[in-house]
Amino acid sequence: MEILQKFIDTLTDLDQESADKLIDLVTIKNFNKNDFLAKKNKKQVDFFILKSGIVRSYYSDEDGKVHIRNFFTTLKTSGDIGALITNKPSKLYYDCLTDCEVYAINFKDFINLVNSNHNFSKLYNTMLTNIVLVLQSKVYDLSVLNGTERYLKLRKEIPELENLIPQYHIASYLNITPVQLSRIRRDLSKNTN
């Protein structure tokens, strides 16, 4: 639970008794590559904190084209938090791009803690704030940065990007075609040599 404690410590200053209450809610689960944490149109009960691995969230449009919304790596929360908050089925798929080990936390049990303890309210507020900031950053990046800048930013966020995530997923996340991604990578390679 050391990694979970690190996650908690990065978000807020919980006293040990409160941290222990949160840890008591946790179940460690293992998922294989291509397993789903959540599926579109299915209700979920847990949210997840990644201990190891990479998860992507995505949706498919009417033509079957996949649009990747986000990648989640170690110490990031995953699962359709919006669906959990509204108690509705997920609008997205969350699948494992690698084998994953996660801390699963029942959302209703977590909210009961939030409602009973101010320290958990601060933790929850910080978690939601981080989610908003990530989404705001993604909108900004898509609006202002070109494909090369978005790619370099993603490579900085996930240093082993090329070895962990298929190129067509990277292109989808960056909102470019695989051909554009190949050109970007080729141009960057030329500039570094």
N, C-alpha and C. Protein backbone atom coordinates (compact mmCIF):
# COMPACT_ATOMS: atom_id res chain seq x y z
N MET A 1 0.82 -1.21 0.00
CA MET A 1 0.00 0.00 0.00
C MET A 1 0.86 1.27 0.00
N GLU A 2 2.15 1.09 -0.13
CA GLU A 2 3.06 2.23 -0.12
C GLU A 2 2.75 3.20 -1.27
N ILE A 3 2.46 2.65 -2.45
CA ILE A 3 2.15 3.50 -3.60
C ILE A 3 0.84 4.25 -3.36
N LEU A 4 -0.14 3.60 -2.77
CA LEU A 4 -1.40 4.26 -2.45
C LEU A 4 -1.17 5.38 -1.44
N GLN A 5 -0.35 5.14 -0.44
CA GLN A 5 -0.03 6.18 0.54
C GLN A 5 0.64 7.37 -0.16
N LYS A 6 1.50 7.09 -1.13
CA LYS A 6 2.16 8.16 -1.89
C LYS A 6 1.12 8.97 -2.66
N PHE A 7 0.14 8.27 -3.27
CA PHE A 7 -0.94 8.95 -3.98
C PHE A 7 -1.69 9.89 -3.04
N ILE A 8 -2.05 9.38 -1.88
CA ILE A 8 -2.77 10.19 -0.89
C ILE A 8 -1.95 11.40 -0.49
N ASP A 9 -0.67 11.18 -0.22
CA ASP A 9 0.21 12.27 0.23
C ASP A 9 0.38 13.35 -0.82
N THR A 10 0.31 12.99 -2.11
CA THR A 10 0.45 14.02 -3.16
C THR A 10 -0.80 14.90 -3.26
N LEU A 11 -1.93 14.41 -2.75
CA LEU A 11 -3.17 15.16 -2.88
C LEU A 11 -3.52 15.99 -1.66
N THR A 12 -3.26 15.46 -0.49
CA THR A 12 -3.65 16.17 0.72
C THR A 12 -2.88 15.62 1.91
N ASP A 13 -3.00 16.30 3.00
CA ASP A 13 -2.32 15.90 4.22
C ASP A 13 -3.32 15.19 5.14
N LEU A 14 -3.56 13.90 4.88
CA LEU A 14 -4.47 13.13 5.71
C LEU A 14 -3.74 12.61 6.94
N ASP A 15 -4.40 12.70 8.09
CA ASP A 15 -3.81 12.08 9.27
C ASP A 15 -3.85 10.56 9.08
N GLN A 16 -3.04 9.85 9.84
CA GLN A 16 -2.89 8.41 9.63
C GLN A 16 -4.20 7.65 9.85
N GLU A 17 -5.00 8.08 10.81
CA GLU A 17 -6.28 7.41 11.06
C GLU A 17 -7.20 7.53 9.84
N SER A 18 -7.25 8.72 9.24
CA SER A 18 -8.07 8.92 8.04
C SER A 18 -7.52 8.12 6.86
N ALA A 19 -6.20 8.15 6.69
CA ALA A 19 -5.58 7.38 5.61
C ALA A 19 -5.90 5.90 5.75
N ASP A 20 -5.87 5.41 6.97
CA ASP A 20 -6.18 4.00 7.22
C ASP A 20 -7.63 3.67 6.85
N LYS A 21 -8.56 4.61 7.11
CA LYS A 21 -9.96 4.39 6.73
C LYS A 21 -10.10 4.27 5.21
N LEU A 22 -9.35 5.10 4.49
CA LEU A 22 -9.39 5.01 3.03
C LEU A 22 -8.77 3.70 2.56
N ILE A 23 -7.64 3.35 3.13
CA ILE A 23 -6.95 2.11 2.74
C ILE A 23 -7.83 0.90 3.01
N ASP A 24 -8.67 0.96 4.05
CA ASP A 24 -9.58 -0.14 4.34
C ASP A 24 -10.61 -0.37 3.24
N LEU A 25 -10.88 0.67 2.44
CA LEU A 25 -11.85 0.55 1.34
C LEU A 25 -11.25 -0.08 0.09
N VAL A 26 -9.95 -0.20 0.06
CA VAL A 26 -9.24 -0.58 -1.16
C VAL A 26 -9.19 -2.08 -1.35
N THR A 27 -9.41 -2.47 -2.60
CA THR A 27 -9.18 -3.84 -3.03
C THR A 27 -8.17 -3.78 -4.16
N ILE A 28 -7.14 -4.59 -4.09
CA ILE A 28 -6.17 -4.64 -5.18
C ILE A 28 -6.68 -5.61 -6.23
N LYS A 29 -6.71 -5.14 -7.47
CA LYS A 29 -7.18 -5.97 -8.57
C LYS A 29 -6.14 -5.97 -9.68
N ASN A 30 -6.05 -7.08 -10.37
CA ASN A 30 -5.16 -7.21 -11.51
C ASN A 30 -6.00 -7.38 -12.77
N PHE A 31 -5.60 -6.67 -13.81
CA PHE A 31 -6.25 -6.75 -15.11
C PHE A 31 -5.19 -7.08 -16.15
N ASN A 32 -5.57 -7.89 -17.11
CA ASN A 32 -4.67 -8.21 -18.21
C ASN A 32 -4.79 -7.16 -19.30
N LYS A 33 -3.78 -7.10 -20.13
CA LYS A 33 -3.83 -6.24 -21.31
C LYS A 33 -5.13 -6.54 -22.05
N ASN A 34 -5.81 -5.50 -22.49
CA ASN A 34 -7.08 -5.54 -23.23
C ASN A 34 -8.31 -5.78 -22.35
N ASP A 35 -8.15 -5.98 -21.04
CA ASP A 35 -9.30 -6.05 -20.14
C ASP A 35 -9.89 -4.65 -19.98
N PHE A 36 -11.17 -4.60 -19.62
CA PHE A 36 -11.85 -3.32 -19.42
C PHE A 36 -12.05 -3.04 -17.94
N LEU A 37 -11.75 -1.81 -17.54
CA LEU A 37 -12.11 -1.35 -16.20
C LEU A 37 -13.56 -0.87 -16.19
N ALA A 38 -13.98 -0.30 -17.31
CA ALA A 38 -15.36 0.18 -17.46
C ALA A 38 -15.72 0.10 -18.93
N LYS A 39 -17.01 -0.13 -19.19
CA LYS A 39 -17.49 -0.21 -20.56
C LYS A 39 -18.64 0.76 -20.77
N LYS A 40 -18.72 1.28 -21.97
CA LYS A 40 -19.80 2.19 -22.35
C LYS A 40 -21.15 1.50 -22.09
N ASN A 41 -22.08 2.27 -21.57
CA ASN A 41 -23.45 1.83 -21.28
C ASN A 41 -23.56 0.84 -20.13
N LYS A 42 -22.50 0.65 -19.38
CA LYS A 42 -22.52 -0.22 -18.20
C LYS A 42 -22.28 0.64 -16.97
N LYS A 43 -23.01 0.33 -15.92
CA LYS A 43 -22.77 1.04 -14.65
C LYS A 43 -21.52 0.48 -13.99
N GLN A 44 -20.78 1.34 -13.36
CA GLN A 44 -19.63 0.89 -12.60
C GLN A 44 -19.82 1.29 -11.15
N VAL A 45 -19.16 0.61 -10.26
CA VAL A 45 -19.29 0.92 -8.85
C VAL A 45 -17.97 1.40 -8.26
N ASP A 46 -16.87 1.11 -8.94
CA ASP A 46 -15.55 1.45 -8.42
C ASP A 46 -14.88 2.52 -9.27
N PHE A 47 -14.00 3.28 -8.63
CA PHE A 47 -13.02 4.04 -9.37
C PHE A 47 -11.68 3.43 -9.02
N PHE A 48 -10.67 3.76 -9.80
CA PHE A 48 -9.40 3.06 -9.70
C PHE A 48 -8.24 4.04 -9.58
N ILE A 49 -7.24 3.62 -8.85
CA ILE A 49 -5.96 4.32 -8.80
C ILE A 49 -4.93 3.32 -9.32
N LEU A 50 -4.23 3.70 -10.37
CA LEU A 50 -3.30 2.77 -10.99
C LEU A 50 -2.05 2.60 -10.15
N LYS A 51 -1.77 1.36 -9.82
CA LYS A 51 -0.52 1.02 -9.14
C LYS A 51 0.56 0.79 -10.19
N SER A 52 0.16 0.14 -11.30
CA SER A 52 1.08 -0.05 -12.42
C SER A 52 0.27 -0.28 -13.69
N GLY A 53 0.87 0.06 -14.82
CA GLY A 53 0.22 -0.15 -16.10
C GLY A 53 -0.28 1.13 -16.73
N ILE A 54 -0.93 0.96 -17.90
CA ILE A 54 -1.48 2.09 -18.64
C ILE A 54 -2.91 1.75 -19.07
N VAL A 55 -3.80 2.68 -18.85
CA VAL A 55 -5.21 2.55 -19.24
C VAL A 55 -5.53 3.71 -20.17
N ARG A 56 -6.38 3.46 -21.15
CA ARG A 56 -6.87 4.54 -21.99
C ARG A 56 -8.37 4.66 -21.82
N SER A 57 -8.88 5.87 -21.97
CA SER A 57 -10.32 6.07 -22.04
C SER A 57 -10.63 6.50 -23.46
N TYR A 58 -11.75 5.99 -23.99
CA TYR A 58 -12.09 6.34 -25.37
C TYR A 58 -13.58 6.14 -25.60
N TYR A 59 -14.02 6.67 -26.72
CA TYR A 59 -15.37 6.40 -27.20
C TYR A 59 -15.28 6.16 -28.70
N SER A 60 -16.29 5.53 -29.24
CA SER A 60 -16.37 5.29 -30.68
C SER A 60 -17.52 6.10 -31.24
N ASP A 61 -17.27 6.75 -32.37
CA ASP A 61 -18.36 7.51 -32.99
C ASP A 61 -19.26 6.57 -33.80
N GLU A 62 -20.27 7.14 -34.45
CA GLU A 62 -21.24 6.33 -35.20
C GLU A 62 -20.60 5.55 -36.34
N ASP A 63 -19.46 6.04 -36.84
CA ASP A 63 -18.76 5.36 -37.93
C ASP A 63 -17.77 4.31 -37.41
N GLY A 64 -17.69 4.17 -36.09
CA GLY A 64 -16.78 3.20 -35.50
C GLY A 64 -15.37 3.72 -35.27
N LYS A 65 -15.15 5.00 -35.55
CA LYS A 65 -13.82 5.58 -35.34
C LYS A 65 -13.61 5.79 -33.83
N VAL A 66 -12.44 5.37 -33.36
CA VAL A 66 -12.11 5.47 -31.94
C VAL A 66 -11.47 6.84 -31.66
N HIS A 67 -11.95 7.48 -30.60
CA HIS A 67 -11.41 8.77 -30.16
C HIS A 67 -10.90 8.59 -28.74
N ILE A 68 -9.59 8.64 -28.57
CA ILE A 68 -9.00 8.45 -27.25
C ILE A 68 -9.05 9.77 -26.50
N ARG A 69 -9.64 9.72 -25.31
CA ARG A 69 -9.76 10.92 -24.50
C ARG A 69 -8.56 11.11 -23.60
N ASN A 70 -8.05 10.00 -23.03
CA ASN A 70 -6.95 10.16 -22.09
C ASN A 70 -6.18 8.86 -21.92
N PHE A 71 -4.95 9.00 -21.45
CA PHE A 71 -4.14 7.88 -20.99
C PHE A 71 -3.95 8.05 -19.49
N PHE A 72 -4.00 6.95 -18.75
CA PHE A 72 -3.80 6.97 -17.31
C PHE A 72 -2.60 6.10 -16.99
N THR A 73 -1.70 6.63 -16.17
CA THR A 73 -0.49 5.91 -15.79
C THR A 73 -0.44 5.82 -14.26
N THR A 74 0.64 5.29 -13.75
CA THR A 74 0.80 5.07 -12.31
C THR A 74 0.44 6.32 -11.51
N LEU A 75 -0.29 6.09 -10.42
CA LEU A 75 -0.74 7.12 -9.48
C LEU A 75 -1.78 8.08 -10.07
N LYS A 76 -2.46 7.65 -11.12
CA LYS A 76 -3.56 8.44 -11.68
C LYS A 76 -4.87 7.72 -11.38
N THR A 77 -5.93 8.49 -11.19
CA THR A 77 -7.24 7.88 -11.01
C THR A 77 -7.83 7.57 -12.37
N SER A 78 -8.60 6.49 -12.43
CA SER A 78 -9.20 6.08 -13.69
C SER A 78 -10.61 5.55 -13.41
N GLY A 79 -11.37 5.46 -14.47
CA GLY A 79 -12.77 5.07 -14.37
C GLY A 79 -13.61 6.29 -14.69
N ASP A 80 -14.83 6.08 -15.06
CA ASP A 80 -15.69 7.19 -15.46
C ASP A 80 -16.27 7.87 -14.21
N ILE A 81 -15.52 8.82 -13.69
CA ILE A 81 -15.92 9.53 -12.47
C ILE A 81 -17.26 10.25 -12.68
N GLY A 82 -17.45 10.83 -13.88
CA GLY A 82 -18.72 11.50 -14.17
C GLY A 82 -19.91 10.56 -14.06
N ALA A 83 -19.74 9.34 -14.56
CA ALA A 83 -20.82 8.35 -14.47
C ALA A 83 -21.06 7.94 -13.02
N LEU A 84 -19.99 7.83 -12.25
CA LEU A 84 -20.14 7.49 -10.83
C LEU A 84 -20.87 8.60 -10.08
N ILE A 85 -20.49 9.84 -10.34
CA ILE A 85 -21.12 10.98 -9.66
C ILE A 85 -22.61 11.05 -9.97
N THR A 86 -22.96 10.85 -11.25
CA THR A 86 -24.37 10.96 -11.66
C THR A 86 -25.13 9.65 -11.52
N ASN A 87 -24.42 8.57 -11.14
CA ASN A 87 -25.03 7.25 -10.99
C ASN A 87 -25.70 6.79 -12.29
N LYS A 88 -25.00 7.05 -13.41
CA LYS A 88 -25.47 6.66 -14.73
C LYS A 88 -24.45 5.74 -15.37
N PRO A 89 -24.84 5.04 -16.43
CA PRO A 89 -23.87 4.20 -17.14
C PRO A 89 -22.74 5.03 -17.73
N SER A 90 -21.61 4.39 -17.89
CA SER A 90 -20.44 5.05 -18.46
C SER A 90 -20.70 5.46 -19.91
N LYS A 91 -20.15 6.59 -20.30
CA LYS A 91 -20.21 7.02 -21.70
C LYS A 91 -18.95 6.63 -22.45
N LEU A 92 -17.97 6.10 -21.71
CA LEU A 92 -16.67 5.79 -22.29
C LEU A 92 -16.27 4.36 -21.99
N TYR A 93 -15.30 3.90 -22.73
CA TYR A 93 -14.62 2.64 -22.43
C TYR A 93 -13.31 2.97 -21.75
N TYR A 94 -12.92 2.16 -20.79
CA TYR A 94 -11.62 2.26 -20.13
C TYR A 94 -10.99 0.90 -20.24
N ASP A 95 -9.95 0.79 -21.08
CA ASP A 95 -9.32 -0.51 -21.25
C ASP A 95 -7.82 -0.45 -20.98
N CYS A 96 -7.28 -1.59 -20.62
CA CYS A 96 -5.87 -1.69 -20.24
C CYS A 96 -5.03 -1.88 -21.50
N LEU A 97 -4.07 -0.99 -21.70
CA LEU A 97 -3.14 -1.13 -22.81
C LEU A 97 -1.97 -2.04 -22.44
N THR A 98 -1.80 -2.26 -21.15
CA THR A 98 -0.79 -3.18 -20.62
C THR A 98 -1.45 -3.96 -19.49
N ASP A 99 -0.76 -4.95 -18.98
CA ASP A 99 -1.23 -5.56 -17.74
C ASP A 99 -1.26 -4.46 -16.68
N CYS A 100 -2.28 -4.44 -15.85
CA CYS A 100 -2.44 -3.38 -14.86
C CYS A 100 -2.73 -3.96 -13.48
N GLU A 101 -2.17 -3.31 -12.49
CA GLU A 101 -2.54 -3.57 -11.11
C GLU A 101 -3.14 -2.27 -10.59
N VAL A 102 -4.32 -2.37 -10.01
CA VAL A 102 -5.04 -1.16 -9.59
C VAL A 102 -5.53 -1.30 -8.16
N TYR A 103 -5.72 -0.14 -7.56
CA TYR A 103 -6.44 -0.06 -6.29
C TYR A 103 -7.87 0.29 -6.65
N ALA A 104 -8.80 -0.60 -6.38
CA ALA A 104 -10.22 -0.37 -6.66
C ALA A 104 -10.89 0.12 -5.38
N ILE A 105 -11.67 1.19 -5.51
CA ILE A 105 -12.36 1.77 -4.36
C ILE A 105 -13.83 1.95 -4.72
N ASN A 106 -14.71 1.37 -3.93
CA ASN A 106 -16.13 1.53 -4.14
C ASN A 106 -16.49 3.01 -3.97
N PHE A 107 -17.09 3.59 -5.00
CA PHE A 107 -17.36 5.02 -5.01
C PHE A 107 -18.34 5.43 -3.92
N LYS A 108 -19.41 4.65 -3.71
CA LYS A 108 -20.40 5.01 -2.69
C LYS A 108 -19.78 4.97 -1.29
N ASP A 109 -18.95 3.97 -1.04
CA ASP A 109 -18.27 3.90 0.26
C ASP A 109 -17.33 5.09 0.44
N PHE A 110 -16.65 5.46 -0.64
CA PHE A 110 -15.76 6.62 -0.60
C PHE A 110 -16.56 7.90 -0.30
N ILE A 111 -17.69 8.08 -0.97
CA ILE A 111 -18.52 9.27 -0.74
C ILE A 111 -19.04 9.30 0.69
N ASN A 112 -19.35 8.14 1.26
CA ASN A 112 -19.75 8.11 2.67
C ASN A 112 -18.64 8.66 3.56
N LEU A 113 -17.40 8.32 3.26
CA LEU A 113 -16.27 8.88 4.02
C LEU A 113 -16.17 10.39 3.79
N VAL A 114 -16.33 10.79 2.54
CA VAL A 114 -16.26 12.23 2.21
C VAL A 114 -17.30 13.00 3.00
N ASN A 115 -18.50 12.45 3.11
CA ASN A 115 -19.59 13.14 3.82
C ASN A 115 -19.43 13.11 5.33
N SER A 116 -18.60 12.22 5.84
CA SER A 116 -18.47 12.10 7.29
C SER A 116 -17.17 12.70 7.85
N ASN A 117 -16.27 13.11 6.97
CA ASN A 117 -14.96 13.54 7.46
C ASN A 117 -14.42 14.64 6.55
N HIS A 118 -14.16 15.79 7.12
CA HIS A 118 -13.68 16.94 6.35
C HIS A 118 -12.38 16.64 5.62
N ASN A 119 -11.51 15.83 6.20
CA ASN A 119 -10.25 15.49 5.53
C ASN A 119 -10.50 14.80 4.19
N PHE A 120 -11.52 13.96 4.14
CA PHE A 120 -11.84 13.28 2.88
C PHE A 120 -12.47 14.24 1.89
N SER A 121 -13.19 15.24 2.40
CA SER A 121 -13.74 16.27 1.52
C SER A 121 -12.62 17.00 0.80
N LYS A 122 -11.55 17.30 1.52
CA LYS A 122 -10.40 17.96 0.90
C LYS A 122 -9.75 17.06 -0.13
N LEU A 123 -9.61 15.78 0.18
CA LEU A 123 -9.03 14.82 -0.75
C LEU A 123 -9.88 14.73 -2.02
N TYR A 124 -11.18 14.58 -1.84
CA TYR A 124 -12.10 14.48 -2.98
C TYR A 124 -12.07 15.75 -3.83
N ASN A 125 -12.06 16.89 -3.17
CA ASN A 125 -11.99 18.17 -3.87
C ASN A 125 -10.71 18.25 -4.71
N THR A 126 -9.60 17.83 -4.15
CA THR A 126 -8.33 17.86 -4.87
C THR A 126 -8.36 16.89 -6.05
N MET A 127 -8.94 15.71 -5.85
CA MET A 127 -9.04 14.74 -6.96
C MET A 127 -9.87 15.33 -8.10
N LEU A 128 -11.02 15.91 -7.77
CA LEU A 128 -11.88 16.49 -8.81
C LEU A 128 -11.21 17.68 -9.48
N THR A 129 -10.52 18.49 -8.71
CA THR A 129 -9.79 19.63 -9.28
C THR A 129 -8.74 19.14 -10.27
N ASN A 130 -8.01 18.09 -9.92
CA ASN A 130 -7.00 17.55 -10.83
C ASN A 130 -7.63 17.03 -12.13
N ILE A 131 -8.79 16.39 -12.02
CA ILE A 131 -9.48 15.90 -13.22
C ILE A 131 -9.87 17.07 -14.12
N VAL A 132 -10.42 18.13 -13.54
CA VAL A 132 -10.80 19.31 -14.31
C VAL A 132 -9.57 19.92 -14.99
N LEU A 133 -8.47 20.02 -14.26
CA LEU A 133 -7.26 20.61 -14.84
C LEU A 133 -6.70 19.78 -15.99
N VAL A 134 -6.77 18.46 -15.88
CA VAL A 134 -6.31 17.59 -16.97
C VAL A 134 -7.18 17.80 -18.21
N LEU A 135 -8.48 17.83 -18.02
CA LEU A 135 -9.38 18.03 -19.15
C LEU A 135 -9.21 19.42 -19.76
N GLN A 136 -9.03 20.43 -18.92
CA GLN A 136 -8.81 21.79 -19.40
C GLN A 136 -7.51 21.87 -20.21
N SER A 137 -6.49 21.19 -19.74
CA SER A 137 -5.21 21.16 -20.45
C SER A 137 -5.36 20.49 -21.81
N LYS A 138 -6.13 19.40 -21.86
CA LYS A 138 -6.34 18.70 -23.13
C LYS A 138 -7.06 19.61 -24.12
N VAL A 139 -8.09 20.32 -23.69
CA VAL A 139 -8.82 21.24 -24.57
C VAL A 139 -7.87 22.33 -25.06
N TYR A 140 -7.09 22.88 -24.15
CA TYR A 140 -6.12 23.92 -24.53
C TYR A 140 -5.14 23.37 -25.56
N ASP A 141 -4.58 22.20 -25.29
CA ASP A 141 -3.59 21.60 -26.20
C ASP A 141 -4.16 21.42 -27.60
N LEU A 142 -5.38 20.90 -27.68
CA LEU A 142 -6.01 20.67 -28.98
C LEU A 142 -6.34 21.98 -29.69
N SER A 143 -6.58 23.04 -28.93
CA SER A 143 -6.94 24.33 -29.50
C SER A 143 -5.72 25.14 -29.93
N VAL A 144 -4.62 25.02 -29.20
CA VAL A 144 -3.50 25.95 -29.37
C VAL A 144 -2.23 25.29 -29.91
N LEU A 145 -1.93 24.08 -29.47
CA LEU A 145 -0.67 23.44 -29.86
C LEU A 145 -0.81 22.69 -31.18
N ASN A 146 0.26 22.68 -31.95
CA ASN A 146 0.24 21.88 -33.18
C ASN A 146 0.55 20.42 -32.83
N GLY A 147 0.46 19.54 -33.80
CA GLY A 147 0.66 18.11 -33.57
C GLY A 147 2.01 17.79 -32.96
N THR A 148 3.05 18.43 -33.43
CA THR A 148 4.40 18.18 -32.91
C THR A 148 4.49 18.59 -31.44
N GLU A 149 3.94 19.74 -31.11
CA GLU A 149 3.97 20.20 -29.71
C GLU A 149 3.17 19.27 -28.80
N ARG A 150 2.03 18.79 -29.28
CA ARG A 150 1.22 17.87 -28.48
C ARG A 150 1.97 16.55 -28.28
N TYR A 151 2.64 16.09 -29.33
CA TYR A 151 3.40 14.84 -29.24
C TYR A 151 4.55 14.99 -28.25
N LEU A 152 5.29 16.08 -28.33
CA LEU A 152 6.41 16.29 -27.40
C LEU A 152 5.93 16.38 -25.96
N LYS A 153 4.80 17.02 -25.76
CA LYS A 153 4.24 17.12 -24.41
C LYS A 153 3.86 15.73 -23.88
N LEU A 154 3.22 14.92 -24.73
CA LEU A 154 2.83 13.57 -24.31
C LEU A 154 4.07 12.73 -24.02
N ARG A 155 5.09 12.87 -24.84
CA ARG A 155 6.33 12.12 -24.62
C ARG A 155 6.99 12.51 -23.31
N LYS A 156 6.85 13.76 -22.93
CA LYS A 156 7.39 14.20 -21.64
C LYS A 156 6.58 13.61 -20.49
N GLU A 157 5.26 13.53 -20.65
CA GLU A 157 4.39 12.98 -19.61
C GLU A 157 4.55 11.47 -19.46
N ILE A 158 4.77 10.78 -20.59
CA ILE A 158 4.93 9.32 -20.59
C ILE A 158 6.24 9.01 -21.32
N PRO A 159 7.36 9.03 -20.59
CA PRO A 159 8.67 8.88 -21.24
C PRO A 159 8.84 7.61 -22.08
N GLU A 160 8.24 6.52 -21.68
CA GLU A 160 8.37 5.25 -22.41
C GLU A 160 7.24 5.08 -23.44
N LEU A 161 6.65 6.18 -23.83
CA LEU A 161 5.49 6.21 -24.72
C LEU A 161 5.62 5.25 -25.90
N GLU A 162 6.71 5.33 -26.63
CA GLU A 162 6.89 4.56 -27.86
C GLU A 162 6.89 3.05 -27.60
N ASN A 163 7.34 2.64 -26.42
CA ASN A 163 7.44 1.22 -26.11
C ASN A 163 6.16 0.66 -25.48
N LEU A 164 5.28 1.54 -25.03
CA LEU A 164 4.12 1.09 -24.26
C LEU A 164 2.79 1.21 -25.00
N ILE A 165 2.71 2.19 -25.90
CA ILE A 165 1.42 2.50 -26.51
C ILE A 165 1.54 2.40 -28.03
N PRO A 166 0.64 1.64 -28.67
CA PRO A 166 0.69 1.54 -30.13
C PRO A 166 0.56 2.92 -30.81
N GLN A 167 1.25 3.06 -31.93
CA GLN A 167 1.29 4.35 -32.63
C GLN A 167 -0.10 4.86 -33.02
N TYR A 168 -0.99 3.96 -33.42
CA TYR A 168 -2.31 4.44 -33.82
C TYR A 168 -3.11 4.98 -32.63
N HIS A 169 -2.83 4.48 -31.41
CA HIS A 169 -3.47 5.04 -30.22
C HIS A 169 -2.89 6.43 -29.92
N ILE A 170 -1.59 6.56 -30.07
CA ILE A 170 -0.95 7.87 -29.85
C ILE A 170 -1.53 8.89 -30.83
N ALA A 171 -1.63 8.50 -32.10
CA ALA A 171 -2.18 9.41 -33.11
C ALA A 171 -3.61 9.81 -32.77
N SER A 172 -4.42 8.85 -32.36
CA SER A 172 -5.81 9.16 -31.99
C SER A 172 -5.86 10.14 -30.83
N TYR A 173 -5.05 9.90 -29.81
CA TYR A 173 -5.02 10.80 -28.65
C TYR A 173 -4.63 12.22 -29.07
N LEU A 174 -3.66 12.32 -29.98
CA LEU A 174 -3.17 13.62 -30.42
C LEU A 174 -4.08 14.28 -31.44
N ASN A 175 -5.12 13.54 -31.87
CA ASN A 175 -6.07 14.02 -32.86
C ASN A 175 -5.39 14.29 -34.21
N ILE A 176 -4.50 13.37 -34.58
CA ILE A 176 -3.84 13.42 -35.88
C ILE A 176 -3.91 12.02 -36.49
N THR A 177 -3.52 11.91 -37.75
CA THR A 177 -3.52 10.59 -38.39
C THR A 177 -2.21 9.88 -38.08
N PRO A 178 -2.19 8.55 -38.21
CA PRO A 178 -0.93 7.83 -38.04
C PRO A 178 0.16 8.30 -39.01
N VAL A 179 -0.24 8.70 -40.23
CA VAL A 179 0.74 9.22 -41.20
C VAL A 179 1.35 10.52 -40.68
N GLN A 180 0.52 11.41 -40.14
CA GLN A 180 1.05 12.66 -39.56
C GLN A 180 2.00 12.36 -38.41
N LEU A 181 1.66 11.39 -37.58
CA LEU A 181 2.54 11.03 -36.46
C LEU A 181 3.88 10.51 -36.98
N SER A 182 3.85 9.69 -38.02
CA SER A 182 5.10 9.20 -38.59
C SER A 182 5.97 10.35 -39.10
N ARG A 183 5.34 11.33 -39.74
CA ARG A 183 6.10 12.49 -40.22
C ARG A 183 6.70 13.28 -39.06
N ILE A 184 5.91 13.47 -38.02
CA ILE A 184 6.40 14.21 -36.85
C ILE A 184 7.60 13.48 -36.26
N ARG A 185 7.48 12.19 -36.08
CA ARG A 185 8.59 11.41 -35.50
C ARG A 185 9.82 11.46 -36.40
N ARG A 186 9.61 11.36 -37.72
CA ARG A 186 10.73 11.42 -38.68
C ARG A 186 11.41 12.79 -38.62
N ASP A 187 10.61 13.86 -38.61
CA ASP A 187 11.18 15.21 -38.56
C ASP A 187 11.94 15.44 -37.26
N LEU A 188 11.40 14.97 -36.15
CA LEU A 188 12.10 15.12 -34.87
C LEU A 188 13.40 14.32 -34.86
N SER A 189 13.36 13.16 -35.47
CA SER A 189 14.57 12.33 -35.54
C SER A 189 15.66 13.02 -36.35
N LYS A 190 15.26 13.65 -37.47
CA LYS A 190 16.22 14.39 -38.31
C LYS A 190 16.83 15.55 -37.55
N ASN A 191 16.00 16.24 -36.76
CA ASN A 191 16.47 17.43 -36.04
C ASN A 191 17.39 17.09 -34.88
N THR A 192 17.30 15.88 -34.35
CA THR A 192 18.17 15.51 -33.23
C THR A 192 19.49 14.89 -33.69
N ASN A 193 19.57 14.53 -34.96
CA ASN A 193 20.82 13.93 -35.48
C ASN A 193 21.76 14.97 -36.00
